[in-house]
Protein backbone atom coordinates (compact mmCIF):
# COMPACT_ATOMS: atom_id res chain seq x y z
CA UNK A 1 -13.63 8.01 18.26
CA UNK A 2 -13.30 10.79 15.71
CA UNK A 3 -10.94 11.11 12.75
CA UNK A 4 -8.19 13.58 12.03
CA UNK A 5 -7.94 13.30 8.25
CA UNK A 6 -4.45 14.14 6.98
CA UNK A 7 -3.67 15.09 3.38
CA UNK A 8 -0.40 16.02 1.71
CA UNK A 9 -1.66 18.31 -1.05
CA UNK A 10 -0.23 19.70 -4.29
CA UNK A 11 -3.49 20.14 -6.21
CA UNK A 12 -6.14 22.44 -4.67
CA UNK A 13 -8.84 21.18 -7.07
CA UNK A 14 -8.36 17.55 -6.04
CA UNK A 15 -8.19 18.56 -2.39
CA UNK A 16 -11.51 20.38 -2.73
CA UNK A 17 -13.20 17.35 -4.34
CA UNK A 18 -11.84 15.13 -1.55
CA UNK A 19 -13.12 17.56 1.11
CA UNK A 20 -16.60 17.60 -0.46
CA UNK A 21 -16.73 13.79 -0.59
CA UNK A 22 -15.73 13.57 3.10
CA UNK A 23 -18.36 16.15 4.10
CA UNK A 24 -21.00 14.17 2.18
CA UNK A 25 -20.11 10.75 3.62
CA UNK A 26 -18.66 11.22 7.13
CA UNK A 27 -21.17 10.64 9.93
CA UNK A 28 -19.05 11.57 12.96
CA UNK A 29 -17.26 14.91 13.48
CA UNK A 30 -13.79 15.11 11.91
CA UNK A 31 -10.98 17.57 11.35
CA UNK A 32 -9.23 17.92 8.01
CA UNK A 33 -5.50 18.68 8.21
CA UNK A 34 -4.58 19.75 4.70
CA UNK A 35 -0.85 20.36 4.27
CA UNK A 36 -0.10 22.45 1.16
CA UNK A 37 3.19 20.91 0.00
CA UNK A 38 3.61 23.04 -3.14
CA UNK A 39 6.11 25.41 -1.55
CA UNK A 40 8.29 23.14 0.59
CA UNK A 41 8.07 19.87 -1.31
CA UNK A 42 8.70 17.81 1.83
CA UNK A 43 8.74 14.01 1.77
CA UNK A 44 5.35 12.46 2.56
CA UNK A 45 6.59 10.80 5.80
CA UNK A 46 7.65 14.16 7.18
CA UNK A 47 4.32 15.78 6.24
CA UNK A 48 2.34 12.89 7.77
CA UNK A 49 4.32 12.89 11.04
CA UNK A 50 4.11 16.69 11.40
CA UNK A 51 0.35 16.70 10.83
CA UNK A 52 -0.22 13.70 13.11
CA UNK A 53 1.57 15.56 15.92
CA UNK A 54 -0.96 18.37 15.60
CA UNK A 55 -3.99 16.06 15.25
CA UNK A 56 -6.73 16.41 17.87
CA UNK A 57 -8.50 13.08 17.55
CA UNK A 58 -7.83 9.44 18.46
CA UNK A 59 -7.97 8.08 14.92
CA UNK A 60 -5.85 9.19 11.98
CA UNK A 61 -6.75 8.80 8.30
CA UNK A 62 -3.81 9.48 5.96
CA UNK A 63 -5.35 9.89 2.53
CA UNK A 64 -4.14 10.89 -0.93
CA UNK A 65 -5.96 13.86 -2.41
CA UNK A 66 -6.99 11.94 -5.55
CA UNK A 67 -9.49 9.87 -3.53
CA UNK A 68 -13.29 10.20 -3.45
CA UNK A 69 -15.27 8.52 -0.65
CA UNK A 70 -18.54 6.95 -1.82
CA UNK A 71 -19.83 5.02 1.21
CA UNK A 72 -21.79 7.03 3.75
CA UNK A 73 -20.66 6.18 7.30
CA UNK A 74 -17.23 4.85 6.23
CA UNK A 75 -15.74 6.60 9.26
CA UNK A 76 -17.93 4.70 11.73
CA UNK A 77 -17.23 1.32 10.06
CA UNK A 78 -13.46 1.88 10.19
CA UNK A 79 -13.44 3.45 13.68
CA UNK A 80 -15.24 0.39 15.09
CA UNK A 81 -12.58 -1.91 13.64
CA UNK A 82 -9.69 0.32 14.79
CA UNK A 83 -10.99 0.09 18.35
CA UNK A 84 -10.22 -3.67 18.41
CA UNK A 85 -7.27 -4.60 20.59
CA UNK A 86 -4.86 -6.00 17.98
CA UNK A 87 -5.81 -3.81 15.02
CA UNK A 88 -2.96 -2.12 13.14
CA UNK A 89 -3.76 -0.16 9.98
CA UNK A 90 -6.77 -0.37 7.65
CA UNK A 91 -6.64 0.38 3.93
CA UNK A 92 -8.18 -0.63 0.62
CA UNK A 93 -5.49 -2.62 -1.18
CA UNK A 94 -2.74 -4.82 0.15
CA UNK A 95 -0.86 -8.10 0.06
CA UNK A 96 -1.24 -11.21 2.21
CA UNK A 97 2.42 -12.15 1.65
CA UNK A 98 5.56 -10.02 1.38
CA UNK A 99 8.54 -11.53 -0.40
CA UNK A 100 12.07 -10.09 -0.63
CA UNK A 101 11.71 -9.00 -4.27
CA UNK A 102 11.51 -5.71 -6.08
CA UNK A 103 7.83 -4.84 -6.00
CA UNK A 104 5.43 -2.91 -3.75
CA UNK A 105 2.27 -4.30 -2.17
CA UNK A 106 1.04 -5.41 -5.60
CA UNK A 107 1.71 -8.98 -6.32
CA UNK A 108 0.41 -12.06 -8.09
CA UNK A 109 -3.35 -12.01 -7.63
CA UNK A 110 -3.23 -14.93 -5.21
CA UNK A 111 -1.70 -12.59 -2.61
CA UNK A 112 -3.76 -9.47 -3.41
CA UNK A 113 -6.66 -8.17 -1.38
CA UNK A 114 -8.34 -5.09 -2.72
CA UNK A 115 -11.61 -3.24 -2.77
CA UNK A 116 -11.74 0.16 -4.46
CA UNK A 117 -12.88 1.88 -7.62
CA UNK A 118 -10.15 2.69 -10.11
CA UNK A 119 -11.12 5.99 -11.65
CA UNK A 120 -9.92 7.22 -15.02
CA UNK A 121 -10.49 10.59 -16.67
CA UNK A 122 -13.60 10.54 -18.81
CA UNK A 123 -14.23 6.82 -18.19
CA UNK A 124 -16.60 5.01 -15.87
CA UNK A 125 -14.61 3.85 -12.82
CA UNK A 126 -14.05 0.09 -12.55
CA UNK A 127 -14.29 -1.88 -9.31
CA UNK A 128 -11.07 -3.64 -8.32
CA UNK A 129 -12.11 -6.23 -5.80
CA UNK A 130 -11.01 -9.60 -4.45
CA UNK A 131 -14.68 -10.41 -3.78
CA UNK A 132 -13.99 -11.36 -0.20
CA UNK A 133 -17.01 -12.56 1.78
CA UNK A 134 -15.82 -10.90 4.97
CA UNK A 135 -16.02 -7.22 5.88
CA UNK A 136 -12.26 -7.05 6.50
CA UNK A 137 -9.43 -9.14 4.99
CA UNK A 138 -6.17 -9.53 6.84
CA UNK A 139 -3.00 -8.45 5.00
CA UNK A 140 0.70 -7.91 5.69
CA UNK A 141 1.15 -4.62 3.81
CA UNK A 142 -1.15 -1.89 2.54
CA UNK A 143 -1.16 0.64 -0.27
CA UNK A 144 -0.94 4.25 0.91
CA UNK A 145 -3.90 5.68 -1.05
CA UNK A 146 -5.78 5.63 2.28
CA UNK A 147 -4.36 4.41 5.59
CA UNK A 148 -6.37 4.57 8.82
CA UNK A 149 -4.67 3.91 12.15
CA UNK A 150 -5.11 4.84 15.79
CA UNK A 151 -3.07 7.76 17.01
CA UNK A 152 -1.55 5.49 19.65
CA UNK A 153 -0.28 2.97 17.07
CA UNK A 154 1.12 5.80 14.94
CA UNK A 155 2.95 7.33 17.92
CA UNK A 156 4.74 4.02 18.57
CA UNK A 157 5.48 3.33 14.90
CA UNK A 158 5.82 6.70 13.21
CA UNK A 159 6.46 7.00 9.46
CA UNK A 160 10.20 6.51 8.92
CA UNK A 161 11.08 9.95 7.52
CA UNK A 162 14.85 9.39 7.89
CA UNK A 163 14.87 6.36 5.60
CA UNK A 164 12.03 7.22 3.21
CA UNK A 165 12.50 10.82 2.11
CA UNK A 166 10.33 10.78 -1.04
CA UNK A 167 6.86 9.54 -1.95
CA UNK A 168 7.32 5.79 -2.41
CA UNK A 169 7.45 2.67 -0.20
CA UNK A 170 6.60 4.63 2.97
CA UNK A 171 3.27 2.75 3.07
CA UNK A 172 4.81 -0.71 2.69
CA UNK A 173 7.36 0.22 5.37
CA UNK A 174 4.80 1.62 7.84
CA UNK A 175 2.45 -1.37 7.54
CA UNK A 176 5.35 -3.87 7.69
CA UNK A 177 6.47 -2.25 10.98
CA UNK A 178 2.97 -2.67 12.44
CA UNK A 179 2.72 -6.27 11.22
CA UNK A 180 6.15 -7.21 12.62
CA UNK A 181 5.14 -5.61 15.95
CA UNK A 182 2.26 -8.10 16.11
CA UNK A 183 -0.69 -5.99 14.92
CA UNK A 184 -3.17 -7.07 12.27
CA UNK A 185 -3.55 -4.93 9.15
CA UNK A 186 -6.73 -5.10 7.10
CA UNK A 187 -8.28 -4.28 3.74
CA UNK A 188 -11.83 -2.98 4.23
CA UNK A 189 -14.30 -4.62 1.82
CA UNK A 190 -17.47 -2.85 2.98
CA UNK A 191 -16.45 0.73 2.18
CA UNK A 192 -16.06 1.95 -1.39
CA UNK A 193 -13.71 4.71 -2.32
CA UNK A 194 -12.45 5.77 -5.71
CA UNK A 195 -8.78 6.25 -6.54
CA UNK A 196 -8.19 8.55 -9.51
CA UNK A 197 -4.57 7.55 -10.14
CA UNK A 198 -2.97 4.44 -11.55
CA UNK A 199 0.27 4.58 -9.55
CA UNK A 200 3.69 5.11 -11.10
CA UNK A 201 6.63 2.79 -11.56
CA UNK A 202 9.61 5.09 -11.89
CA UNK A 203 13.31 4.92 -11.09
CA UNK A 204 12.62 6.68 -7.77
CA UNK A 205 9.99 4.02 -6.98
CA UNK A 206 12.53 1.28 -7.69
CA UNK A 207 15.16 2.98 -5.49
CA UNK A 208 12.68 3.17 -2.61
CA UNK A 209 11.87 -0.55 -2.95
CA UNK A 210 15.61 -1.32 -2.70
CA UNK A 211 15.80 0.81 0.45
CA UNK A 212 12.80 -1.08 1.87
CA UNK A 213 14.52 -4.42 1.16
CA UNK A 214 17.72 -3.21 2.85
CA UNK A 215 15.68 -2.42 5.94
CA UNK A 216 13.37 -5.45 6.11
CA UNK A 217 14.96 -8.10 3.84
CA UNK A 218 16.27 -10.25 6.71
CA UNK A 219 12.73 -10.61 8.12
CA UNK A 220 11.07 -11.51 4.81
CA UNK A 221 9.07 -13.41 3.65
CA UNK A 222 6.10 -12.47 5.86
CA UNK A 223 2.68 -14.13 5.60
CA UNK A 224 -0.74 -13.52 7.09
CA UNK A 225 -1.09 -17.22 7.87
CA UNK A 226 1.67 -19.58 8.85
CA UNK A 227 -0.01 -22.60 7.26
CA UNK A 228 2.17 -22.93 4.16
CA UNK A 229 4.08 -26.03 3.14
CA UNK A 230 7.68 -25.70 1.95
CA UNK A 231 6.52 -26.67 -1.54
CA UNK A 232 3.81 -23.99 -1.55
CA UNK A 233 6.29 -21.36 -0.37
CA UNK A 234 8.77 -22.35 -3.08
CA UNK A 235 6.09 -22.21 -5.78
CA UNK A 236 4.55 -18.90 -4.75
CA UNK A 237 7.96 -17.37 -4.12
CA UNK A 238 9.02 -18.18 -7.70
CA UNK A 239 5.75 -16.71 -9.02
CA UNK A 240 6.21 -13.50 -7.01
CA UNK A 241 9.81 -13.10 -8.17
CA UNK A 242 8.88 -13.70 -11.83
CA UNK A 243 6.06 -11.15 -11.50
CA UNK A 244 8.55 -8.58 -10.15
CA UNK A 245 11.12 -9.21 -12.92
CA UNK A 246 8.44 -8.92 -15.64
CA UNK A 247 7.24 -5.64 -14.15
CA UNK A 248 10.78 -4.20 -14.11
CA UNK A 249 11.32 -5.20 -17.76
CA UNK A 250 7.88 -4.00 -18.90
CA UNK A 251 8.26 -0.60 -17.24
CA UNK A 252 11.84 -0.28 -18.55
CA UNK A 253 13.21 0.25 -15.06
CA UNK A 254 16.25 -1.92 -15.75
CA UNK A 255 18.53 -2.18 -18.77
CA UNK A 256 18.92 -5.36 -20.84
CA UNK A 257 22.09 -6.50 -19.01
CA UNK A 258 20.36 -6.19 -15.63
CA UNK A 259 17.32 -8.02 -16.99
CA UNK A 260 19.48 -10.87 -18.35
CA UNK A 261 21.28 -11.24 -15.07
CA UNK A 262 18.03 -11.32 -13.03
CA UNK A 263 16.54 -13.95 -15.35
CA UNK A 264 19.73 -16.07 -15.30
CA UNK A 265 19.75 -15.94 -11.51
CA UNK A 266 16.06 -16.93 -11.42
CA UNK A 267 16.69 -19.81 -13.81
CA UNK A 268 19.57 -21.12 -11.72
CA UNK A 269 17.43 -21.22 -8.57
CA UNK A 270 14.13 -22.36 -10.17
CA UNK A 271 15.23 -24.54 -13.12
CA UNK A 272 11.86 -26.31 -13.45
CA UNK A 273 9.58 -23.35 -12.82
CA UNK A 274 6.71 -22.73 -15.26
CA UNK A 275 7.78 -19.05 -15.17
CA UNK A 276 11.24 -19.58 -16.69
CA UNK A 277 10.24 -19.74 -20.38
CA UNK A 278 7.94 -16.66 -20.26
CA UNK A 279 10.81 -14.74 -18.62
CA UNK A 280 13.26 -15.84 -21.31
CA UNK A 281 10.77 -14.72 -23.98
CA UNK A 282 10.61 -11.27 -22.32
CA UNK A 283 14.37 -10.87 -23.00
CA UNK A 284 14.03 -11.19 -26.76
């Protein structure tokens, strides 16, 4: 149960730091498949699928190059979990519910599971954690900073390189496919890694989320547990939608007409929601 660690690289310095952290913390033999994407500029799905085809080992770890592993033996902890019958993908941040709105895995905190250090240049990294008591928390979707999966699961549910040609939403798509196929995805709470980036909310990110919704919208919402009352679903759905609209306005990803129309639509469907007034204030 060894790992083929796959990296789509554009920064040799980051890649070197990642390699050193893996060498210092991995306890079972591994291979590092480092794809230098500076020349070709391929989409990340294509890079990941190409490298996974060449991988020698049973377990695949798709990791961004701005990651530093801190926990010695992380590979053993994750390999043991991946060997479980129904295990899908394992990562370090994800959502326990996926609604048909314009956002990624990030969501109102109620639906977030995360455990990683958020690094920042020149600052002490801060721990982002949901303080879960268990070693692994079940989620629907995962963030792509680090995704571990068995080679067999990947071969049945490859990254969708036809639909997702850039660098966004491929992770949400891949983990949704595994979840819909009946596998369980997890956030690992017992391994600490550090992510040196804050993520970007750009027009290309927004386009990719729309593409994701075109593909999966009819099957959403998805939840880790089915024990939700209609009232609960209505309430949390309104909160998730309001969160998404605020994010779009705050990051200036939509113009004022689009923002007004989204808020009006929200207000029509959730007239008594506690989120309506804060949304209206955002339009001023």
